[in-house]
Amino acid sequence: MKRTTIYLEPELEVLLKLEMLRQKRPMAELVREAVFAYVTREPRRVPPGGGAFASGQADTAERVDDVLAESGFGAGPGLSSTTPRKRKTSNRPKKKT
């Protein structure tokens, strides 16, 4: 478990201490139980459109330029889906392995 600090209004602290005495359970246990009940009260929803376009490919993001070139996306005058494109370099830092 990870230790954390929470701030309670004085009235809420009194109520929590009374509940702790009533149930004869540690305050931390009651807080964990209440937080768990709060964060799991509703099922998590998938964002709109999430999972709607399953390609069956796990590496699409890594092959984005190739996928777009194969589809002809962005091909304008003088370009075709078979025209090789220069791969853009990312400004993101490289992952440490």
PDB file of N, CA and C in Angstrom:
ATOM      1  N   MET A   1       0.834  -1.190   0.000  1.00  0.00           N
ATOM      2  CA  MET A   1       0.000   0.000   0.000  1.00  0.00           C
ATOM      3  C   MET A   1       0.871   1.242   0.000  1.00  0.00           C
ATOM      4  N   LYS A   2       0.289   2.302  -0.529  1.00  0.00           N
ATOM      5  CA  LYS A   2       0.990   3.579  -0.570  1.00  0.00           C
ATOM      6  C   LYS A   2       0.381   4.503   0.467  1.00  0.00           C
ATOM      7  N   ARG A   3       1.223   5.178   1.192  1.00  0.00           N
ATOM      8  CA  ARG A   3       0.768   6.116   2.203  1.00  0.00           C
ATOM      9  C   ARG A   3       0.464   7.459   1.550  1.00  0.00           C
ATOM     10  N   THR A   4      -0.632   8.092   1.985  1.00  0.00           N
ATOM     11  CA  THR A   4      -1.009   9.391   1.450  1.00  0.00           C
ATOM     12  C   THR A   4      -1.623  10.242   2.555  1.00  0.00           C
ATOM     13  N   THR A   5      -1.768  11.516   2.286  1.00  0.00           N
ATOM     14  CA  THR A   5      -2.363  12.442   3.250  1.00  0.00           C
ATOM     15  C   THR A   5      -3.620  13.028   2.645  1.00  0.00           C
ATOM     16  N   ILE A   6      -4.674  13.101   3.444  1.00  0.00           N
ATOM     17  CA  ILE A   6      -5.896  13.759   2.998  1.00  0.00           C
ATOM     18  C   ILE A   6      -6.263  14.831   4.016  1.00  0.00           C
ATOM     19  N   TYR A   7      -6.964  15.839   3.540  1.00  0.00           N
ATOM     20  CA  TYR A   7      -7.416  16.922   4.404  1.00  0.00           C
ATOM     21  C   TYR A   7      -8.927  16.850   4.501  1.00  0.00           C
ATOM     22  N   LEU A   8      -9.449  16.858   5.741  1.00  0.00           N
ATOM     23  CA  LEU A   8     -10.883  16.771   5.977  1.00  0.00           C
ATOM     24  C   LEU A   8     -11.369  18.020   6.688  1.00  0.00           C
ATOM     25  N   GLU A   9     -12.584  18.399   6.374  1.00  0.00           N
ATOM     26  CA  GLU A   9     -13.236  19.459   7.139  1.00  0.00           C
ATOM     27  C   GLU A   9     -13.399  18.931   8.567  1.00  0.00           C
ATOM     28  N   PRO A  10     -13.335  19.798   9.565  1.00  0.00           N
ATOM     29  CA  PRO A  10     -13.443  19.330  10.967  1.00  0.00           C
ATOM     30  C   PRO A  10     -14.707  18.505  11.224  1.00  0.00           C
ATOM     31  N   GLU A  11     -15.824  18.900  10.644  1.00  0.00           N
ATOM     32  CA  GLU A  11     -17.078  18.167  10.855  1.00  0.00           C
ATOM     33  C   GLU A  11     -16.999  16.756  10.273  1.00  0.00           C
ATOM     34  N   LEU A  12     -16.371  16.638   9.114  1.00  0.00           N
ATOM     35  CA  LEU A  12     -16.226  15.331   8.482  1.00  0.00           C
ATOM     36  C   LEU A  12     -15.281  14.441   9.289  1.00  0.00           C
ATOM     37  N   GLU A  13     -14.244  15.041   9.854  1.00  0.00           N
ATOM     38  CA  GLU A  13     -13.322  14.276  10.687  1.00  0.00           C
ATOM     39  C   GLU A  13     -14.046  13.713  11.911  1.00  0.00           C
ATOM     40  N   VAL A  14     -14.898  14.517  12.525  1.00  0.00           N
ATOM     41  CA  VAL A  14     -15.662  14.056  13.690  1.00  0.00           C
ATOM     42  C   VAL A  14     -16.564  12.891  13.291  1.00  0.00           C
ATOM     43  N   LEU A  15     -17.269  13.036  12.169  1.00  0.00           N
ATOM     44  CA  LEU A  15     -18.141  11.953  11.708  1.00  0.00           C
ATOM     45  C   LEU A  15     -17.354  10.680  11.429  1.00  0.00           C
ATOM     46  N   LEU A  16     -16.192  10.829  10.825  1.00  0.00           N
ATOM     47  CA  LEU A  16     -15.360   9.665  10.521  1.00  0.00           C
ATOM     48  C   LEU A  16     -14.876   8.992  11.807  1.00  0.00           C
ATOM     49  N   LYS A  17     -14.474   9.786  12.784  1.00  0.00           N
ATOM     50  CA  LYS A  17     -14.023   9.212  14.054  1.00  0.00           C
ATOM     51  C   LYS A  17     -15.166   8.506  14.782  1.00  0.00           C
ATOM     52  N   LEU A  18     -16.363   9.082  14.731  1.00  0.00           N
ATOM     53  CA  LEU A  18     -17.513   8.420  15.353  1.00  0.00           C
ATOM     54  C   LEU A  18     -17.809   7.082  14.678  1.00  0.00           C
ATOM     55  N   GLU A  19     -17.721   7.074  13.332  1.00  0.00           N
ATOM     56  CA  GLU A  19     -17.944   5.826  12.590  1.00  0.00           C
ATOM     57  C   GLU A  19     -16.863   4.796  12.902  1.00  0.00           C
ATOM     58  N   MET A  20     -15.640   5.263  13.057  1.00  0.00           N
ATOM     59  CA  MET A  20     -14.525   4.385  13.406  1.00  0.00           C
ATOM     60  C   MET A  20     -14.787   3.716  14.767  1.00  0.00           C
ATOM     61  N   LEU A  21     -15.247   4.495  15.726  1.00  0.00           N
ATOM     62  CA  LEU A  21     -15.549   3.952  17.057  1.00  0.00           C
ATOM     63  C   LEU A  21     -16.757   3.019  17.009  1.00  0.00           C
ATOM     64  N   ARG A  22     -17.760   3.387  16.236  1.00  0.00           N
ATOM     65  CA  ARG A  22     -18.966   2.565  16.134  1.00  0.00           C
ATOM     66  C   ARG A  22     -18.665   1.198  15.533  1.00  0.00           C
ATOM     67  N   GLN A  23     -17.857   1.194  14.469  1.00  0.00           N
ATOM     68  CA  GLN A  23     -17.544  -0.064  13.785  1.00  0.00           C
ATOM     69  C   GLN A  23     -16.343  -0.784  14.378  1.00  0.00           C
ATOM     70  N   LYS A  24     -15.603  -0.086  15.250  1.00  0.00           N
ATOM     71  CA  LYS A  24     -14.374  -0.654  15.840  1.00  0.00           C
ATOM     72  C   LYS A  24     -13.415  -1.119  14.743  1.00  0.00           C
ATOM     73  N   ARG A  25     -13.198  -0.208  13.776  1.00  0.00           N
ATOM     74  CA  ARG A  25     -12.294  -0.471  12.653  1.00  0.00           C
ATOM     75  C   ARG A  25     -11.368   0.725  12.508  1.00  0.00           C
ATOM     76  N   PRO A  26     -10.182   0.529  11.974  1.00  0.00           N
ATOM     77  CA  PRO A  26      -9.249   1.642  11.788  1.00  0.00           C
ATOM     78  C   PRO A  26      -9.783   2.673  10.792  1.00  0.00           C
ATOM     79  N   MET A  27      -9.421   3.927  11.040  1.00  0.00           N
ATOM     80  CA  MET A  27      -9.849   5.017  10.172  1.00  0.00           C
ATOM     81  C   MET A  27      -9.369   4.787   8.737  1.00  0.00           C
ATOM     82  N   ALA A  28      -8.133   4.353   8.586  1.00  0.00           N
ATOM     83  CA  ALA A  28      -7.578   4.132   7.248  1.00  0.00           C
ATOM     84  C   ALA A  28      -8.396   3.107   6.471  1.00  0.00           C
ATOM     85  N   GLU A  29      -8.860   2.070   7.154  1.00  0.00           N
ATOM     86  CA  GLU A  29      -9.667   1.037   6.496  1.00  0.00           C
ATOM     87  C   GLU A  29     -10.993   1.625   6.010  1.00  0.00           C
ATOM     88  N   LEU A  30     -11.626   2.456   6.835  1.00  0.00           N
ATOM     89  CA  LEU A  30     -12.886   3.088   6.438  1.00  0.00           C
ATOM     90  C   LEU A  30     -12.688   4.029   5.247  1.00  0.00           C
ATOM     91  N   VAL A  31     -11.600   4.783   5.276  1.00  0.00           N
ATOM     92  CA  VAL A  31     -11.320   5.720   4.177  1.00  0.00           C
ATOM     93  C   VAL A  31     -11.060   4.950   2.891  1.00  0.00           C
ATOM     94  N   ARG A  32     -10.242   3.889   2.944  1.00  0.00           N
ATOM     95  CA  ARG A  32      -9.977   3.082   1.752  1.00  0.00           C
ATOM     96  C   ARG A  32     -11.276   2.506   1.184  1.00  0.00           C
ATOM     97  N   GLU A  33     -12.119   1.992   2.059  1.00  0.00           N
ATOM     98  CA  GLU A  33     -13.391   1.409   1.629  1.00  0.00           C
ATOM     99  C   GLU A  33     -14.283   2.471   0.977  1.00  0.00           C
ATOM    100  N   ALA A  34     -14.335   3.657   1.569  1.00  0.00           N
ATOM    101  CA  ALA A  34     -15.170   4.731   1.020  1.00  0.00           C
ATOM    102  C   ALA A  34     -14.641   5.218  -0.328  1.00  0.00           C
ATOM    103  N   VAL A  35     -13.328   5.364  -0.449  1.00  0.00           N
ATOM    104  CA  VAL A  35     -12.741   5.815  -1.711  1.00  0.00           C
ATOM    105  C   VAL A  35     -12.983   4.770  -2.795  1.00  0.00           C
ATOM    106  N   PHE A  36     -12.802   3.506  -2.459  1.00  0.00           N
ATOM    107  CA  PHE A  36     -13.036   2.439  -3.433  1.00  0.00           C
ATOM    108  C   PHE A  36     -14.487   2.449  -3.905  1.00  0.00           C
ATOM    109  N   ALA A  37     -15.428   2.581  -2.962  1.00  0.00           N
ATOM    110  CA  ALA A  37     -16.846   2.620  -3.320  1.00  0.00           C
ATOM    111  C   ALA A  37     -17.142   3.818  -4.226  1.00  0.00           C
ATOM    112  N   TYR A  38     -16.494   4.943  -3.962  1.00  0.00           N
ATOM    113  CA  TYR A  38     -16.718   6.147  -4.762  1.00  0.00           C
ATOM    114  C   TYR A  38     -16.211   5.982  -6.194  1.00  0.00           C
ATOM    115  N   VAL A  39     -14.994   5.488  -6.340  1.00  0.00           N
ATOM    116  CA  VAL A  39     -14.397   5.424  -7.682  1.00  0.00           C
ATOM    117  C   VAL A  39     -14.924   4.258  -8.518  1.00  0.00           C
ATOM    118  N   THR A  40     -15.615   3.310  -7.901  1.00  0.00           N
ATOM    119  CA  THR A  40     -16.139   2.165  -8.650  1.00  0.00           C
ATOM    120  C   THR A  40     -17.665   2.176  -8.722  1.00  0.00           C
ATOM    121  N   ARG A  41     -18.310   3.262  -8.352  1.00  0.00           N
ATOM    122  CA  ARG A  41     -19.770   3.296  -8.293  1.00  0.00           C
ATOM    123  C   ARG A  41     -20.425   3.244  -9.669  1.00  0.00           C
ATOM    124  N   GLU A  42     -19.750   3.713 -10.692  1.00  0.00           N
ATOM    125  CA  GLU A  42     -20.286   3.667 -12.050  1.00  0.00           C
ATOM    126  C   GLU A  42     -19.287   2.948 -12.941  1.00  0.00           C
ATOM    127  N   PRO A  43     -19.798   2.148 -13.880  1.00  0.00           N
ATOM    128  CA  PRO A  43     -18.846   1.495 -14.796  1.00  0.00           C
ATOM    129  C   PRO A  43     -18.128   2.540 -15.640  1.00  0.00           C
ATOM    130  N   ARG A  44     -16.885   2.273 -15.946  1.00  0.00           N
ATOM    131  CA  ARG A  44     -16.106   3.189 -16.783  1.00  0.00           C
ATOM    132  C   ARG A  44     -16.626   3.153 -18.200  1.00  0.00           C
ATOM    133  N   ARG A  45     -16.768   4.321 -18.770  1.00  0.00           N
ATOM    134  CA  ARG A  45     -17.263   4.414 -20.142  1.00  0.00           C
ATOM    135  C   ARG A  45     -16.096   4.578 -21.101  1.00  0.00           C
ATOM    136  N   VAL A  46     -16.256   3.960 -22.252  1.00  0.00           N
ATOM    137  CA  VAL A  46     -15.267   4.113 -23.317  1.00  0.00           C
ATOM    138  C   VAL A  46     -15.500   5.480 -23.949  1.00  0.00           C
ATOM    139  N   PRO A  47     -14.446   6.222 -24.268  1.00  0.00           N
ATOM    140  CA  PRO A  47     -14.639   7.517 -24.930  1.00  0.00           C
ATOM    141  C   PRO A  47     -15.399   7.349 -26.245  1.00  0.00           C
ATOM    142  N   PRO A  48     -16.145   8.387 -26.670  1.00  0.00           N
ATOM    143  CA  PRO A  48     -16.882   8.278 -27.933  1.00  0.00           C
ATOM    144  C   PRO A  48     -15.961   7.841 -29.072  1.00  0.00           C
ATOM    145  N   GLY A  49     -16.380   6.816 -29.787  1.00  0.00           N
ATOM    146  CA  GLY A  49     -15.596   6.306 -30.907  1.00  0.00           C
ATOM    147  C   GLY A  49     -14.506   5.331 -30.495  1.00  0.00           C
ATOM    148  N   GLY A  50     -14.270   5.184 -29.199  1.00  0.00           N
ATOM    149  CA  GLY A  50     -13.222   4.280 -28.726  1.00  0.00           C
ATOM    150  C   GLY A  50     -13.528   2.839 -29.094  1.00  0.00           C
ATOM    151  N   GLY A  51     -12.621   2.202 -29.755  1.00  0.00           N
ATOM    152  CA  GLY A  51     -12.781   0.804 -30.136  1.00  0.00           C
ATOM    153  C   GLY A  51     -13.691   0.581 -31.334  1.00  0.00           C
ATOM    154  N   ALA A  52     -14.175   1.648 -31.936  1.00  0.00           N
ATOM    155  CA  ALA A  52     -15.108   1.501 -33.048  1.00  0.00           C
ATOM    156  C   ALA A  52     -14.419   1.087 -34.339  1.00  0.00           C
ATOM    157  N   PHE A  53     -13.124   1.264 -34.410  1.00  0.00           N
ATOM    158  CA  PHE A  53     -12.404   1.001 -35.650  1.00  0.00           C
ATOM    159  C   PHE A  53     -11.242   0.054 -35.405  1.00  0.00           C
ATOM    160  N   ALA A  54     -11.537  -1.139 -34.994  1.00  0.00           N
ATOM    161  CA  ALA A  54     -10.500  -2.122 -34.709  1.00  0.00           C
ATOM    162  C   ALA A  54      -9.928  -2.659 -36.018  1.00  0.00           C
ATOM    163  N   SER A  55      -8.643  -2.417 -36.256  1.00  0.00           N
ATOM    164  CA  SER A  55      -8.010  -2.863 -37.494  1.00  0.00           C
ATOM    165  C   SER A  55      -7.433  -4.260 -37.358  1.00  0.00           C
ATOM    166  N   GLY A  56      -7.278  -4.705 -36.134  1.00  0.00           N
ATOM    167  CA  GLY A  56      -6.638  -5.994 -35.923  1.00  0.00           C
ATOM    168  C   GLY A  56      -5.116  -5.896 -35.943  1.00  0.00           C
ATOM    169  N   GLN A  57      -4.587  -4.696 -36.147  1.00  0.00           N
ATOM    170  CA  GLN A  57      -3.140  -4.476 -36.182  1.00  0.00           C
ATOM    171  C   GLN A  57      -2.717  -3.787 -34.886  1.00  0.00           C
ATOM    172  N   ALA A  58      -1.643  -4.245 -34.292  1.00  0.00           N
ATOM    173  CA  ALA A  58      -1.179  -3.671 -33.035  1.00  0.00           C
ATOM    174  C   ALA A  58      -0.125  -2.580 -33.238  1.00  0.00           C
ATOM    175  N   ASP A  59       0.394  -2.428 -34.456  1.00  0.00           N
ATOM    176  CA  ASP A  59       1.504  -1.491 -34.679  1.00  0.00           C
ATOM    177  C   ASP A  59       1.140  -0.347 -35.616  1.00  0.00           C
ATOM    178  N   THR A  60      -0.147  -0.031 -35.741  1.00  0.00           N
ATOM    179  CA  THR A  60      -0.585   0.995 -36.684  1.00  0.00           C
ATOM    180  C   THR A  60       0.061   2.342 -36.391  1.00  0.00           C
ATOM    181  N   ALA A  61       0.144   2.731 -35.124  1.00  0.00           N
ATOM    182  CA  ALA A  61       0.730   4.031 -34.778  1.00  0.00           C
ATOM    183  C   ALA A  61       2.192   4.108 -35.191  1.00  0.00           C
ATOM    184  N   GLU A  62       2.890   3.000 -35.107  1.00  0.00           N
ATOM    185  CA  GLU A  62       4.304   2.982 -35.484  1.00  0.00           C
ATOM    186  C   GLU A  62       4.477   3.038 -37.006  1.00  0.00           C
ATOM    187  N   ARG A  63       3.458   2.574 -37.736  1.00  0.00           N
ATOM    188  CA  ARG A  63       3.534   2.524 -39.196  1.00  0.00           C
ATOM    189  C   ARG A  63       2.651   3.571 -39.854  1.00  0.00           C
ATOM    190  N   VAL A  64       2.332   4.656 -39.152  1.00  0.00           N
ATOM    191  CA  VAL A  64       1.355   5.628 -39.627  1.00  0.00           C
ATOM    192  C   VAL A  64       1.658   6.145 -41.030  1.00  0.00           C
ATOM    193  N   ASP A  65       2.892   6.478 -41.322  1.00  0.00           N
ATOM    194  CA  ASP A  65       3.224   7.005 -42.647  1.00  0.00           C
ATOM    195  C   ASP A  65       2.960   5.975 -43.741  1.00  0.00           C
ATOM    196  N   ASP A  66       3.331   4.737 -43.489  1.00  0.00           N
ATOM    197  CA  ASP A  66       3.100   3.680 -44.472  1.00  0.00           C
ATOM    198  C   ASP A  66       1.612   3.428 -44.678  1.00  0.00           C
ATOM    199  N   VAL A  67       0.855   3.405 -43.584  1.00  0.00           N
ATOM    200  CA  VAL A  67      -0.587   3.160 -43.674  1.00  0.00           C
ATOM    201  C   VAL A  67      -1.263   4.268 -44.470  1.00  0.00           C
ATOM    202  N   LEU A  68      -0.910   5.523 -44.186  1.00  0.00           N
ATOM    203  CA  LEU A  68      -1.506   6.635 -44.914  1.00  0.00           C
ATOM    204  C   LEU A  68      -1.100   6.623 -46.391  1.00  0.00           C
ATOM    205  N   ALA A  69       0.152   6.289 -46.662  1.00  0.00           N
ATOM    206  CA  ALA A  69       0.612   6.233 -48.048  1.00  0.00           C
ATOM    207  C   ALA A  69      -0.133   5.135 -48.814  1.00  0.00           C
ATOM    208  N   GLU A  70      -0.342   3.986 -48.174  1.00  0.00           N
ATOM    209  CA  GLU A  70      -1.062   2.883 -48.817  1.00  0.00           C
ATOM    210  C   GLU A  70      -2.504   3.266 -49.127  1.00  0.00           C
ATOM    211  N   SER A  71      -3.098   4.098 -48.285  1.00  0.00           N
ATOM    212  CA  SER A  71      -4.501   4.479 -48.485  1.00  0.00           C
ATOM    213  C   SER A  71      -4.647   5.621 -49.481  1.00  0.00           C
ATOM    214  N   GLY A  72      -3.546   6.296 -49.809  1.00  0.00           N
ATOM    215  CA  GLY A  72      -3.618   7.431 -50.712  1.00  0.00           C
ATOM    216  C   GLY A  72      -4.007   8.715 -50.007  1.00  0.00           C
ATOM    217  N   PHE A  73      -4.101   8.682 -48.704  1.00  0.00           N
ATOM    218  CA  PHE A  73      -4.478   9.861 -47.938  1.00  0.00           C
ATOM    219  C   PHE A  73      -3.465  10.981 -48.156  1.00  0.00           C
ATOM    220  N   GLY A  74      -3.961  12.165 -48.470  1.00  0.00           N
ATOM    221  CA  GLY A  74      -3.094  13.328 -48.647  1.00  0.00           C
ATOM    222  C   GLY A  74      -2.426  13.409 -50.000  1.00  0.00           C
ATOM    223  N   ALA A  75      -2.725  12.454 -50.879  1.00  0.00           N
ATOM    224  CA  ALA A  75      -2.116  12.493 -52.211  1.00  0.00           C
ATOM    225  C   ALA A  75      -2.749  13.630 -53.000  1.00  0.00           C
ATOM    226  N   GLY A  76      -1.932  14.540 -53.449  1.00  0.00           N
ATOM    227  CA  GLY A  76      -2.424  15.677 -54.225  1.00  0.00           C
ATOM    228  C   GLY A  76      -1.802  15.637 -55.602  1.00  0.00           C
ATOM    229  N   PRO A  77      -1.838  16.761 -56.310  1.00  0.00           N
ATOM    230  CA  PRO A  77      -1.227  16.814 -57.637  1.00  0.00           C
ATOM    231  C   PRO A  77       0.249  16.415 -57.572  1.00  0.00           C
ATOM    232  N   GLY A  78       0.643  15.504 -58.422  1.00  0.00           N
ATOM    233  CA  GLY A  78       2.040  15.074 -58.467  1.00  0.00           C
ATOM    234  C   GLY A  78       2.375  14.001 -57.444  1.00  0.00           C
ATOM    235  N   LEU A  79       1.418  13.645 -56.616  1.00  0.00           N
ATOM    236  CA  LEU A  79       1.650  12.593 -55.620  1.00  0.00           C
ATOM    237  C   LEU A  79       0.682  11.456 -55.877  1.00  0.00           C
ATOM    238  N   SER A  80       1.088  10.295 -55.593  1.00  0.00           N
ATOM    239  CA  SER A  80       0.186   9.153 -55.667  1.00  0.00           C
ATOM    240  C   SER A  80       0.431   8.312 -54.434  1.00  0.00           C
ATOM    241  N   SER A  81      -0.424   7.325 -54.259  1.00  0.00           N
ATOM    242  CA  SER A  81      -0.265   6.488 -53.074  1.00  0.00           C
ATOM    243  C   SER A  81       1.015   5.667 -53.142  1.00  0.00           C
ATOM    244  N   THR A  82       1.639   5.578 -54.309  1.00  0.00           N
ATOM    245  CA  THR A  82       2.875   4.811 -54.432  1.00  0.00           C
ATOM    246  C   THR A  82       4.114   5.695 -54.336  1.00  0.00           C
ATOM    247  N   THR A  83       3.915   7.029 -54.274  1.00  0.00           N
ATOM    248  CA  THR A  83       5.053   7.942 -54.154  1.00  0.00           C
ATOM    249  C   THR A  83       5.652   7.812 -52.760  1.00  0.00           C
ATOM    250  N   PRO A  84       6.948   7.481 -52.672  1.00  0.00           N
ATOM    251  CA  PRO A  84       7.530   7.373 -51.345  1.00  0.00           C
ATOM    252  C   PRO A  84       7.524   8.733 -50.653  1.00  0.00           C
ATOM    253  N   ARG A  85       7.266   8.734 -49.381  1.00  0.00           N
ATOM    254  CA  ARG A  85       7.237   9.965 -48.606  1.00  0.00           C
ATOM    255  C   ARG A  85       8.392   9.975 -47.633  1.00  0.00           C
ATOM    256  N   LYS A  86       8.866  11.168 -47.367  1.00  0.00           N
ATOM    257  CA  LYS A  86       9.935  11.322 -46.393  1.00  0.00           C
ATOM    258  C   LYS A  86       9.326  11.218 -45.005  1.00  0.00           C
ATOM    259  N   ARG A  87       9.880  10.375 -44.195  1.00  0.00           N
ATOM    260  CA  ARG A  87       9.365  10.180 -42.845  1.00  0.00           C
ATOM    261  C   ARG A  87       9.770  11.353 -41.972  1.00  0.00           C
ATOM    262  N   LYS A  88       8.799  11.916 -41.273  1.00  0.00           N
ATOM    263  CA  LYS A  88       9.073  13.036 -40.376  1.00  0.00           C
ATOM    264  C   LYS A  88       9.740  12.521 -39.116  1.00  0.00           C
ATOM    265  N   THR A  89      10.637  13.330 -38.586  1.00  0.00           N
ATOM    266  CA  THR A  89      11.269  12.959 -37.329  1.00  0.00           C
ATOM    267  C   THR A  89      10.497  13.609 -36.202  1.00  0.00           C
ATOM    268  N   SER A  90      10.449  12.942 -35.091  1.00  0.00           N
ATOM    269  CA  SER A  90       9.693  13.425 -33.946  1.00  0.00           C
ATOM    270  C   SER A  90      10.578  14.262 -33.037  1.00  0.00           C
ATOM    271  N   ASN A  91       9.963  15.247 -32.396  1.00  0.00           N
ATOM    272  CA  ASN A  91      10.674  16.055 -31.403  1.00  0.00           C
ATOM    273  C   ASN A  91      10.598  15.429 -30.019  1.00  0.00           C
ATOM    274  N   ARG A  92       9.877  14.318 -29.917  1.00  0.00           N
ATOM    275  CA  ARG A  92       9.731  13.669 -28.620  1.00  0.00           C
ATOM    276  C   ARG A  92      11.037  13.001 -28.215  1.00  0.00           C
ATOM    277  N   PRO A  93      11.325  13.003 -26.898  1.00  0.00           N
ATOM    278  CA  PRO A  93      12.529  12.305 -26.450  1.00  0.00           C
ATOM    279  C   PRO A  93      12.368  10.810 -26.658  1.00  0.00           C
ATOM    280  N   LYS A  94      13.464  10.154 -26.940  1.00  0.00           N
ATOM    281  CA  LYS A  94      13.436   8.711 -27.164  1.00  0.00           C
ATOM    282  C   LYS A  94      13.213   7.996 -25.849  1.00  0.00           C
ATOM    283  N   LYS A  95      12.501   6.858 -25.942  1.00  0.00           N
ATOM    284  CA  LYS A  95      12.253   6.050 -24.753  1.00  0.00           C
ATOM    285  C   LYS A  95      13.551   5.384 -24.316  1.00  0.00           C
ATOM    286  N   LYS A  96      13.725   5.321 -23.008  1.00  0.00           N
ATOM    287  CA  LYS A  96      14.875   4.597 -22.469  1.00  0.00           C
ATOM    288  C   LYS A  96      14.546   3.115 -22.445  1.00  0.00           C
ATOM    289  N   THR A  97      15.484   2.298 -22.848  1.00  0.00           N
ATOM    290  CA  THR A  97      15.247   0.854 -22.829  1.00  0.00           C
ATOM    291  C   THR A  97      16.110   0.178 -21.818  1.00  0.00           C
TER     292      THR A  97
END
